[in-house]
Every structure is written in structure tokens, then in C-alpha cells.
Protein backbone atom coordinates (compact mmCIF):
# COMPACT_ATOMS: atom_id res chain seq x y z
CA MET A 1 148.70 173.24 65.42
CA LEU A 2 145.01 172.37 65.01
CA SER A 3 144.04 171.69 68.68
CA SER A 4 143.07 174.78 70.66
CA TYR A 5 144.93 173.83 73.88
CA GLN A 6 148.33 173.65 72.21
CA ARG A 7 147.63 176.62 69.96
CA ASP A 8 146.04 178.96 72.48
CA ALA A 9 147.16 177.84 75.97
CA LEU A 10 150.73 176.84 75.09
CA GLY A 11 151.20 179.31 72.25
CA TYR A 12 152.30 176.76 69.67
CA GLY A 13 151.77 178.11 66.20
CA VAL A 14 153.89 177.36 63.19
CA THR A 15 155.53 173.98 63.68
CA LEU A 16 158.57 172.53 61.96
CA SER A 17 158.49 168.85 61.15
CA GLY A 18 160.46 166.23 59.29
CA ALA A 19 160.33 162.52 58.68
CA VAL A 20 162.39 159.69 57.25
CA ARG A 21 160.51 156.68 55.86
CA GLY A 22 161.54 153.29 54.65
CA VAL A 23 159.05 151.84 52.15
CA LEU A 24 158.84 148.23 50.98
CA SER A 25 156.78 147.95 47.76
CA LEU A 26 154.71 144.77 47.66
CA HIS A 27 152.99 145.94 44.48
CA ASP A 28 153.13 149.06 42.34
CA ALA A 29 149.97 150.26 44.14
CA PHE A 30 150.61 148.95 47.70
CA ALA A 31 153.51 149.13 50.16
CA LEU A 32 154.44 148.79 53.85
CA GLN A 33 156.44 151.51 55.55
CA VAL A 34 158.27 152.42 58.79
CA SER A 35 158.62 156.10 59.73
CA GLY A 36 160.71 158.15 62.12
CA GLU A 37 159.24 161.61 62.65
CA SER A 38 160.08 164.70 64.71
CA TRP A 39 157.99 167.80 65.42
CA TYR A 40 159.30 171.06 66.92
CA ALA A 41 156.91 173.81 68.03
CA PRO A 42 158.23 177.10 69.46
CA GLY A 43 155.94 178.24 72.36
CA ASP A 44 155.33 181.30 74.49
CA ALA A 45 156.45 179.72 77.79
CA ARG A 46 158.38 176.71 76.57
CA ASP A 47 158.98 174.93 73.30
CA GLY A 48 157.29 171.68 72.46
CA GLN A 49 158.93 168.73 70.76
CA ALA A 50 157.72 165.27 69.82
CA PHE A 51 159.38 162.18 68.41
CA SER A 52 157.54 159.18 67.01
CA LEU A 53 158.28 155.79 65.53
CA LEU A 54 155.40 154.62 63.30
CA GLY A 55 154.46 151.78 61.03
CA GLY A 56 151.82 151.85 58.36
CA VAL A 57 150.61 151.17 54.84
CA ARG A 58 150.84 153.20 51.63
CA GLY A 59 148.67 153.08 48.50
CA ALA A 60 149.46 154.78 45.20
CA VAL A 61 147.99 155.38 41.73
CA ARG A 62 149.63 156.68 38.55
CA PRO A 63 147.54 159.23 36.61
CA GLY A 64 150.51 159.77 34.27
CA ALA A 65 153.75 158.15 33.19
CA ARG A 66 155.91 160.35 35.46
CA VAL A 67 153.55 161.22 38.31
CA ARG A 68 152.31 159.17 41.27
CA LEU A 69 149.65 160.08 43.86
CA ALA A 70 150.15 158.33 47.22
CA LEU A 71 148.10 158.08 50.45
CA ASP A 72 149.58 156.57 53.63
CA VAL A 73 148.24 155.89 57.14
CA ASN A 74 150.53 155.21 60.16
CA ALA A 75 150.33 154.54 63.91
CA GLY A 76 152.91 153.86 66.62
CA LEU A 77 154.81 155.20 69.62
CA GLY A 78 155.21 158.93 70.31
CA LEU A 79 157.49 160.62 72.85
CA SER A 80 156.80 164.13 74.19
CA GLY A 81 157.74 165.78 77.46
CA GLY A 82 159.23 162.53 78.75
CA LEU A 83 155.92 160.65 78.28
CA ARG A 84 155.07 157.85 75.89
CA ARG A 85 151.94 158.33 73.91
CA LEU A 86 149.99 156.81 71.05
CA ALA A 87 150.81 158.64 67.81
CA ALA A 88 149.11 158.46 64.42
CA ASP A 89 149.25 160.37 61.16
CA ALA A 90 148.14 160.25 57.53
CA GLY A 91 149.54 161.91 54.44
CA LEU A 92 148.77 162.67 50.80
CA ALA A 93 151.68 163.19 48.39
CA ALA A 94 152.20 163.85 44.69
CA ASP A 95 155.52 162.47 43.45
CA PHE A 96 156.94 163.76 40.15
CA SER A 97 159.78 161.78 38.59
CA VAL A 98 163.06 163.67 38.23
CA THR A 99 164.98 160.53 37.25
CA ASP A 100 164.07 156.84 37.21
CA SER A 101 164.98 156.70 40.94
CA LEU A 102 164.44 160.26 42.30
CA THR A 103 161.03 161.94 42.77
CA LEU A 104 160.02 165.30 44.26
CA GLY A 105 156.63 166.69 45.10
CA PRO A 106 154.26 168.36 47.58
CA VAL A 107 153.13 166.58 50.77
CA LEU A 108 150.08 167.27 52.95
CA ARG A 109 149.96 165.51 56.34
CA VAL A 110 147.76 165.48 59.45
CA GLY A 111 148.76 163.84 62.74
CA ALA A 112 147.80 163.35 66.35
CA LEU A 113 149.59 162.73 69.63
CA PHE A 114 147.02 161.31 72.02
CA ALA A 115 147.08 162.36 75.71
CA THR A 116 147.70 159.76 78.41
CA SER A 117 146.23 159.49 81.91
CA ASP A 118 149.41 161.06 83.34
CA ASP A 119 149.21 164.03 81.06
CA ALA A 120 146.89 166.97 80.59
CA PRO A 121 143.79 165.56 78.88
CA HIS A 122 144.35 167.35 75.60
CA ASP A 123 145.31 165.55 72.41
CA ALA A 124 147.70 167.35 70.13
CA LEU A 125 146.47 167.66 66.53
CA PHE A 126 148.63 169.15 63.85
CA ALA A 127 148.81 169.56 60.06
CA SER A 128 151.72 170.23 57.76
CA LEU A 129 152.38 171.15 54.15
CA GLY A 130 155.80 170.71 52.65
CA VAL A 131 158.00 169.02 50.08
CA GLY A 132 158.97 165.37 50.00
CA ALA A 133 161.77 163.63 48.14
CA SER A 134 162.14 159.89 47.62
CA TRP A 135 164.86 157.64 46.31
CA ARG A 136 163.65 154.40 44.78
CA VAL A 137 165.89 151.35 44.65
CA VAL A 138 164.89 149.25 41.63
CA ARG A 139 165.82 145.62 41.55
CA THR A 140 167.51 144.69 38.25
CA GLU A 141 167.79 141.32 36.66
CA THR A 142 171.24 139.94 35.99
CA PRO A 143 171.48 139.08 32.29
CA ALA A 144 172.12 135.48 31.46
CA PRO A 145 175.59 134.78 30.18
CA VAL A 146 175.90 134.70 26.41
CA VAL A 147 176.86 131.32 25.14
CA GLU A 148 178.83 131.49 21.92
CA VAL A 149 177.34 129.48 19.05
CA ARG A 150 179.89 128.36 16.56
CA ASP A 151 177.45 128.02 13.64
CA ARG A 152 174.35 130.02 14.49
CA ASP A 153 172.70 129.77 11.07
CA GLY A 154 173.49 126.07 10.67
CA ASP A 155 174.79 126.42 7.14
CA GLY A 156 177.96 124.37 7.80
CA LEU A 157 180.31 127.35 8.03
CA VAL A 158 181.57 128.34 11.48
CA ASP A 159 180.75 131.85 12.67
CA ALA A 160 184.39 132.95 12.67
CA GLN A 161 184.50 132.46 8.89
CA ASP A 162 180.82 133.26 8.13
CA ARG A 163 180.19 136.79 6.76
CA CYS A 164 176.46 136.24 7.43
CA PRO A 165 176.43 134.19 10.67
CA ASP A 166 172.67 134.64 11.21
CA GLU A 167 171.59 133.92 7.61
CA PRO A 168 172.09 130.53 5.91
CA ARG A 169 173.91 130.69 2.57
CA GLY A 170 171.21 128.50 0.99
CA ASP A 171 171.21 126.95 -2.48
CA HIS A 172 172.69 130.05 -4.13
CA PRO A 173 175.73 131.09 -2.06
CA ASP A 174 177.49 134.35 -2.79
CA PRO A 175 181.03 133.54 -3.95
CA ALA A 176 182.24 136.97 -2.84
CA ARG A 177 180.90 136.66 0.75
CA PRO A 178 181.52 133.32 2.48
CA GLY A 179 178.43 131.98 4.26
CA CYS A 180 176.07 134.50 2.63
CA PRO A 181 173.32 133.86 0.08
CA LEU A 182 173.09 135.80 -3.14
CA GLY A 183 170.84 138.80 -2.45
CA ASP A 184 167.17 138.93 -3.42
CA GLY A 185 166.10 142.27 -2.03
CA ASP A 186 162.55 142.16 -3.36
CA GLY A 187 161.98 138.48 -2.55
CA ASP A 188 160.73 137.54 -6.01
CA GLY A 189 163.02 134.53 -6.47
CA VAL A 190 165.33 136.35 -8.91
CA THR A 191 168.71 137.04 -7.29
CA ASP A 192 169.98 140.59 -7.32
CA ASP A 193 172.92 139.79 -9.61
CA VAL A 194 170.50 139.20 -12.50
CA ASP A 195 167.44 141.17 -11.27
CA ARG A 196 166.76 144.28 -13.38
CA CYS A 197 164.32 145.59 -10.70
CA VAL A 198 166.02 144.74 -7.42
CA ASP A 199 163.53 146.72 -5.29
CA THR A 200 160.34 145.66 -7.11
CA PRO A 201 159.04 142.06 -7.10
CA ALA A 202 158.36 140.52 -10.50
CA GLY A 203 154.89 139.57 -9.29
CA PRO A 204 152.45 137.21 -11.01
CA SER A 205 153.01 138.85 -14.44
CA PRO A 206 156.79 139.14 -14.93
CA ASP A 207 158.28 141.05 -17.84
CA ALA A 208 159.93 138.53 -20.18
CA ALA A 209 162.34 141.17 -21.50
CA ARG A 210 163.51 142.33 -18.03
CA PRO A 211 164.37 139.57 -15.52
CA GLY A 212 162.92 140.22 -12.06
CA CYS A 213 160.64 143.04 -13.24
CA PRO A 214 156.84 143.11 -13.45
CA ARG A 215 155.03 144.17 -16.59
CA ALA A 216 154.51 147.92 -16.30
CA ASP A 217 151.08 149.36 -15.45
CA SER A 218 151.72 153.07 -15.02
CA ASP A 219 148.11 154.06 -14.31
CA ARG A 220 147.42 150.96 -12.18
CA ASP A 221 144.17 150.13 -13.89
CA GLY A 222 144.97 146.45 -14.42
CA VAL A 223 145.87 146.86 -18.10
CA PHE A 224 149.61 146.62 -18.77
CA ASP A 225 151.26 149.50 -20.59
CA ASP A 226 152.19 147.41 -23.63
CA ASP A 227 148.46 146.69 -24.11
CA ASP A 228 147.05 150.02 -22.78
CA ALA A 229 145.93 152.71 -25.24
CA CYS A 230 145.99 155.23 -22.35
CA PRO A 231 148.93 154.10 -20.19
CA THR A 232 148.92 157.24 -18.02
CA ARG A 233 145.14 157.45 -17.46
CA ALA A 234 143.25 154.79 -15.51
CA MET A 235 140.21 153.44 -17.29
CA GLY A 236 138.09 153.83 -14.14
CA ASP A 237 134.61 152.45 -13.60
CA ALA A 238 133.43 153.35 -17.12
CA PRO A 239 136.04 152.08 -19.60
CA ASP A 240 135.95 152.99 -23.26
CA PRO A 241 134.75 149.89 -25.17
CA GLU A 242 136.76 150.93 -28.25
CA ARG A 243 140.10 151.81 -26.59
CA ARG A 244 141.51 149.24 -24.18
CA GLY A 245 142.65 150.73 -20.87
CA CYS A 246 141.07 154.14 -21.54
CA PRO A 247 138.21 155.83 -19.69
CA ASP A 248 135.13 156.73 -21.64
CA ASN A 249 134.81 160.49 -22.35
CA ASP A 250 132.11 162.81 -21.03
CA GLN A 251 132.28 165.84 -23.31
CA ASP A 252 129.36 167.73 -21.76
CA GLY A 253 130.33 166.87 -18.17
CA ASP A 254 126.90 165.64 -17.17
CA GLY A 255 128.10 162.34 -15.68
CA VAL A 256 126.85 160.26 -18.61
CA THR A 257 129.75 158.88 -20.66
CA ASP A 258 129.76 159.53 -24.39
CA HIS A 259 129.06 155.94 -25.45
CA ARG A 260 125.83 156.07 -23.43
CA ASP A 261 125.04 159.76 -23.98
CA LEU A 262 122.46 160.46 -26.71
CA CYS A 263 123.24 164.19 -26.41
CA VAL A 264 127.04 164.19 -26.14
CA ALA A 265 127.40 167.98 -26.46
CA VAL A 266 124.39 168.98 -24.31
CA PRO A 267 124.41 168.40 -20.52
CA ALA A 268 121.47 166.51 -19.11
CA GLY A 269 121.04 169.33 -16.60
CA PRO A 270 118.84 169.29 -13.52
CA HIS A 271 115.93 167.68 -15.40
CA PRO A 272 117.35 164.70 -17.35
CA ASP A 273 115.15 162.89 -19.84
CA PRO A 274 114.60 159.35 -18.49
CA ALA A 275 113.93 158.11 -22.03
CA ARG A 276 117.16 159.54 -23.53
CA ALA A 277 120.34 158.97 -21.54
CA GLY A 278 122.41 162.16 -21.14
CA CYS A 279 119.72 164.44 -22.62
CA PRO A 280 117.68 167.12 -20.84
CA LEU A 281 113.91 167.16 -20.96
CA PRO A 282 112.69 169.54 -23.69
CA ASP A 283 112.47 173.16 -22.49
CA ARG A 284 111.74 175.40 -25.48
CA ASP A 285 111.69 178.70 -23.59
CA GLY A 286 114.81 177.86 -21.50
CA ASP A 287 113.30 178.82 -18.15
CA SER A 288 114.38 175.56 -16.41
CA VAL A 289 110.78 174.30 -16.37
CA PRO A 290 110.49 171.31 -18.77
CA ASP A 291 107.83 171.59 -21.45
CA ALA A 292 105.97 168.58 -20.01
CA VAL A 293 105.11 170.54 -16.85
CA ASP A 294 105.40 174.10 -18.23
CA ALA A 295 102.03 175.85 -18.35
CA CYS A 296 103.57 178.39 -20.77
CA PRO A 297 106.12 176.33 -22.74
CA THR A 298 106.92 179.09 -25.27
CA ARG A 299 107.09 182.03 -22.87
CA PRO A 300 109.95 182.09 -20.35
CA GLY A 301 109.03 182.33 -16.72
CA ALA A 302 110.00 180.59 -13.52
CA PRO A 303 108.97 177.54 -11.49
CA SER A 304 105.84 178.11 -9.43
CA THR A 305 103.66 176.16 -7.04
CA ARG A 306 100.58 178.08 -8.15
CA GLN A 307 98.01 176.12 -10.14
CA GLY A 308 98.42 176.77 -13.85
CA ARG A 309 101.34 179.22 -13.40
CA ASN A 310 104.36 176.86 -13.41
CA GLY A 311 106.83 178.22 -16.00
CA CYS A 312 104.68 181.22 -16.90
CA PRO A 313 105.86 184.86 -16.99
CA GLY A 314 105.59 186.74 -13.74
CA LEU A 315 107.75 188.81 -11.43
CA VAL A 316 110.75 186.45 -11.76
CA ARG A 317 112.42 184.53 -14.58
CA ILE A 318 115.10 181.80 -14.66
CA GLU A 319 117.71 182.98 -17.15
CA ARG A 320 121.40 182.18 -17.73
CA GLY A 321 122.13 180.91 -14.23
CA MET A 322 120.21 183.70 -12.52
CA ILE A 323 116.81 184.20 -10.95
CA ARG A 324 115.99 187.48 -12.68
CA ILE A 325 113.59 189.70 -10.76
CA LEU A 326 111.53 192.00 -12.95
CA ARG A 327 110.79 194.40 -10.11
CA PRO A 328 113.47 195.78 -7.74
CA VAL A 329 113.68 195.03 -4.04
CA PHE A 330 113.20 198.39 -2.28
CA PHE A 331 114.77 199.30 1.09
CA ALA A 332 114.48 202.26 3.41
CA THR A 333 117.15 204.88 2.65
CA ARG A 334 120.56 203.97 4.15
CA ARG A 335 118.94 201.07 6.03
CA ASP A 336 118.34 197.34 5.54
CA THR A 337 114.59 197.55 6.15
CA ILE A 338 112.67 195.96 3.23
CA LEU A 339 109.76 198.13 2.11
CA ARG A 340 106.29 196.64 1.84
CA GLN A 341 106.11 197.10 -1.93
CA SER A 342 108.84 194.46 -2.34
CA SER A 343 106.78 191.70 -0.71
CA ALA A 344 105.32 190.46 -4.00
CA VAL A 345 108.64 190.02 -5.80
CA LEU A 346 110.25 188.24 -2.82
CA ALA A 347 107.20 185.99 -2.57
CA ALA A 348 107.73 185.11 -6.25
CA VAL A 349 111.41 184.27 -5.63
CA ALA A 350 110.48 182.08 -2.67
CA ASP A 351 107.76 180.36 -4.70
CA ALA A 352 110.25 179.56 -7.48
CA LEU A 353 112.74 178.07 -5.02
CA ARG A 354 110.07 176.01 -3.27
CA ALA A 355 108.71 174.79 -6.60
CA ASP A 356 112.10 173.66 -7.96
CA PRO A 357 114.33 171.94 -5.36
CA THR A 358 116.91 171.28 -8.10
CA LEU A 359 117.97 174.92 -7.63
CA ARG A 360 120.16 173.67 -4.78
CA ARG A 361 122.26 176.73 -3.91
CA VAL A 362 121.47 180.39 -4.57
CA ALA A 363 123.68 183.34 -3.67
CA ILE A 364 121.84 186.54 -2.65
CA GLU A 365 124.09 189.43 -3.67
CA GLY A 366 123.57 192.96 -2.38
CA HIS A 367 124.86 196.06 -4.28
CA THR A 368 124.71 199.82 -3.59
CA ASP A 369 125.35 203.01 -5.53
CA ASP A 370 128.43 205.20 -4.98
CA VAL A 371 126.79 207.60 -2.52
CA ALA A 372 128.32 207.49 1.01
CA GLU A 373 131.60 205.98 2.18
CA ASP A 374 132.89 202.71 0.71
CA ALA A 375 132.94 200.93 4.08
CA PHE A 376 129.38 202.02 4.88
CA ASN A 377 128.13 200.85 1.49
CA LEU A 378 129.85 197.47 1.83
CA ASP A 379 128.30 196.90 5.27
CA LEU A 380 124.89 198.12 4.07
CA SER A 381 124.93 195.76 1.08
CA ARG A 382 125.79 192.80 3.33
CA ARG A 383 123.02 193.66 5.78
CA ARG A 384 120.48 194.03 2.98
CA ALA A 385 121.44 190.68 1.42
CA THR A 386 121.18 189.03 4.85
CA ARG A 387 117.77 190.63 5.43
CA VAL A 388 116.51 189.28 2.06
CA MET A 389 117.81 185.82 2.96
CA ALA A 390 115.93 185.95 6.28
CA ASP A 391 112.77 186.98 4.42
CA LEU A 392 113.04 183.99 2.05
CA VAL A 393 113.66 181.60 4.94
CA ALA A 394 110.55 182.99 6.64
CA ARG A 395 108.67 182.18 3.43
CA GLY A 396 109.63 178.50 3.63
CA VAL A 397 112.97 178.28 1.79
CA ALA A 398 115.56 176.10 3.56
CA ALA A 399 118.42 178.21 4.93
CA ASP A 400 121.07 175.77 3.70
CA ARG A 401 120.05 176.57 0.10
CA LEU A 402 120.87 180.27 0.50
CA ARG A 403 124.01 182.36 0.96
CA ALA A 404 124.11 186.14 1.51
CA GLU A 405 126.97 188.35 0.32
CA GLY A 406 127.45 192.10 -0.13
CA PHE A 407 129.64 193.92 -2.66
CA GLY A 408 128.89 197.55 -1.83
CA GLU A 409 129.53 199.84 -4.81
CA THR A 410 132.27 197.66 -6.37
CA ARG A 411 130.14 196.06 -9.13
CA PRO A 412 128.04 198.71 -10.88
CA VAL A 413 125.94 197.60 -13.86
CA VAL A 414 125.57 201.13 -15.25
CA PRO A 415 128.53 203.55 -15.22
CA GLY A 416 128.08 207.16 -14.19
CA THR A 417 126.66 209.18 -11.32
CA THR A 418 123.28 210.08 -12.70
CA SER A 419 120.20 209.28 -10.66
CA ALA A 420 119.20 206.65 -13.22
CA ALA A 421 122.62 204.97 -13.06
CA ARG A 422 122.59 204.99 -9.28
CA ALA A 423 119.06 203.58 -9.16
CA ALA A 424 120.14 200.70 -11.43
CA ASN A 425 123.21 199.98 -9.33
CA ARG A 426 121.16 199.75 -6.10
CA ARG A 427 119.99 196.18 -6.51
CA VAL A 428 119.71 192.66 -5.15
CA GLU A 429 120.61 189.76 -7.47
CA PHE A 430 119.96 186.03 -7.12
CA ARG A 431 122.71 183.91 -8.67
CA ILE A 432 122.22 180.14 -9.01
CA GLU A 433 125.43 178.56 -7.70
CA SER A 434 124.54 174.89 -8.12
CA VAL A 435 121.72 172.73 -9.36
CA GLU A 436 121.05 169.18 -8.32
CA ALA A 437 120.29 166.66 -11.01
CA GLU A 438 119.18 163.05 -10.65
CA GLY A 439 122.82 161.92 -10.24
CA GLY A 440 123.81 164.60 -7.71
CA GLU A 441 125.01 168.23 -7.75
CA ARG A 442 126.23 169.81 -10.97
């Protein structure tokens, strides 16, 4: 009970209620309904009971295939204590389909029994929460009677004798199956009794030696196998002009095919020569800085943004896929703090990377000596590599060009446990993972 008079003065608390409703669906989302409801409320002095006959409307939506949310509002006649009163209620229900006809779900309702002039002037308001079940009667259509057709496919043979009553026998009837055509499974116009490739159409280029079969093209490059020098390799976008159906080779893997490549055994690299297809620009000292822009073309160095220093010897050198540093990166003992004396060499690495954007990806690899536990050394090497990466990013190198990794003590460069060996093994290396040439990454 929600109203204070019934709850406090009459002592009505928990109330039992039930209802039976007849619903007429006018639309999937709208219906009319008639309800018979009864409420029973045990009280301190006497029990209360109400009966009502209501009419109303119901609206519903379907958020899912097997769930319906419904809201209904009703009003009508209520009987309580021998008096007739105006009654009204509203409800919210969630119906979950158990079968196509049966649904179950929770119901929340609120209602009112309004006081009359002959009664105590206190309306009765109540709310309920419970479970509702509904049985839906679905109108079904009566199927139309099937009218027997004596010759459904119209091929002149009655259905009782026709082995294929829904398929005309056509111009090539099957002598073994009355009323059926000879099969042509692939629809190429060659009947299955003579078709050597019953599941593959002959297509626009049939094989003269095999009725109903297309000329073979194993690599699907448009050149038939009997005319293809490479029947299992497609010729692709760059065919070999000397071997029909074959792709042109690219021995050095620089993306320039051999018939265009003026340096077939030498990759064009990150600095291709625009005047010689497939050839790199001359670089006598091999430091990845072409001679045309190398301030020191005969002495290996590294790329640099400094005036007059591009390609000249310094603290770093590009060599065999590595950025070699000629001075170590120093850290505080057992920590990842970079010492001030390493600023110059890291500045040189950053300068080389900024000067040559073709050095697309560089791995920063941290290594330790064999002092301390393996797990500590592995973690320390990772932290040091990450700290170096952060330093280079702070110096203007894009973060997506760098990757930090630690190997602990697993990759020593000098065997032994002497102080010299351990000093050599404590190091940071810069490995070039990919370079980007004019045609893309290599």
C-alpha cells in the first residue's frame, strides 16, 4: 500500500493481487484489453479486498527477437466494502518468449481505488511487483489446395511418366530417363555424356583436344599453359619480354626488374641513382652518404645536419647495417641514468637520424655484463635501452622510427670475466632494421 491511511490507519501492508486480461492486438505495437483484477490486503482490525473490471490500451516495443516491453493503462469499475468506486491502474511488463505462444516475465504495476462521497475521503494507492504469463493465439492462414498439374514442365510428357516433371526434356532428351534432358552440369553447352570437364565450363577458349574443357591456365595469368614458359608462375605486372608468361626476375631484390636494372647484382638501396635504373648513387666510403653530398667521400662517417660535416668521421659511423658509436654510452652503476659525458655521442646519433630519414627503423639494444642476477640484468638492459630511446626522441627523432629492447648478459661480445671483457659487454648498440628507398621500405 502506498497511501498512508490504508497503510497506517488500517494496517494494510503487503498485499496480494492477481489479474486476468484479454488482449486484442490491433497492431504489433498497439492493443485493446479488458481486465479483471482482485486485491487482498490483510489488516490489523479487518482485511481489505477489492475487485475491479477495467478496460484500457496497451503499447509494446521489441528490443530483441524474443523479448517485448509493454506499457498498459486501464480504468473502470472497482468494488470494495460494498461500494462502487472508480478504479485505475497502469503497468510495465517485460515478456520473454518461452515458445511461439507462451511468454513469461516480470510485471510492475501501480493502481488506485478512488474514494466516493459515501466513503472515508481517502483514496487507496497501491503498487505491486510480480510475474506475468501470457498465451498468444496466432491466426494462421489456411493453405490453398494444391491443384495437380498433369504436365508441369510442358514438355509433352505427363507427370506420371516424367522422371523430371519440373524440367523440360528439351532438344537433347536423355534416353535413359523419360522426360529429362541430357545433363550439362557446367552449363557450357556440351552435354555431360561427352563433356570431359563436367564441372568446369569450356569458356570462351575451349580445349580442342578435350570436349567441354577450357584451355588450361594453371597460374591464371591469361597465358594458356600450352603457350606459357612458366605455367605455374604468374607473369604479374612486369612480364619477362623474352619468356612468354613469365615474370621478369629481380636478382638483387631492389624492386627494379632485371631487364630494366643497370646493376642487376647490386641493390639500388636507400639512395637510388635517378640516372641509372636499379643502381645506387656512388658511395666510395660506404657510409650511406652518397658521394654527391658527402663532405668526406673517401673517409667513412655518418649523415649529419652540420654544415660541411655530412658523411665525415665523428662520434658515429654507418657500417654494415649498424650505427656504430665510437664512444660508449655511460650509465650510473646498476641504474638507467645516462651520465652527462654521453650527451655528445647521443647527440651525434640523433643528428645522423635526423639528417637521413631513409634510416626508417632503428632498434636500440641494451646489453650488460655478467655481474648481478640474470633477471636484474635483463630488466636493467631494457630500462637503459628505453632511456636512450627517450633521449633521442627528446632530441627530435620521431618515436615511430625507434624500438628499444634489452638482452641482459645473453649476448657478450668479449668472452671472459675480466674487467676489460665486462666493460666491453656493457654497451648500447643501434641496429638499422629497415631503410626506406624511393620505392618504399627495403
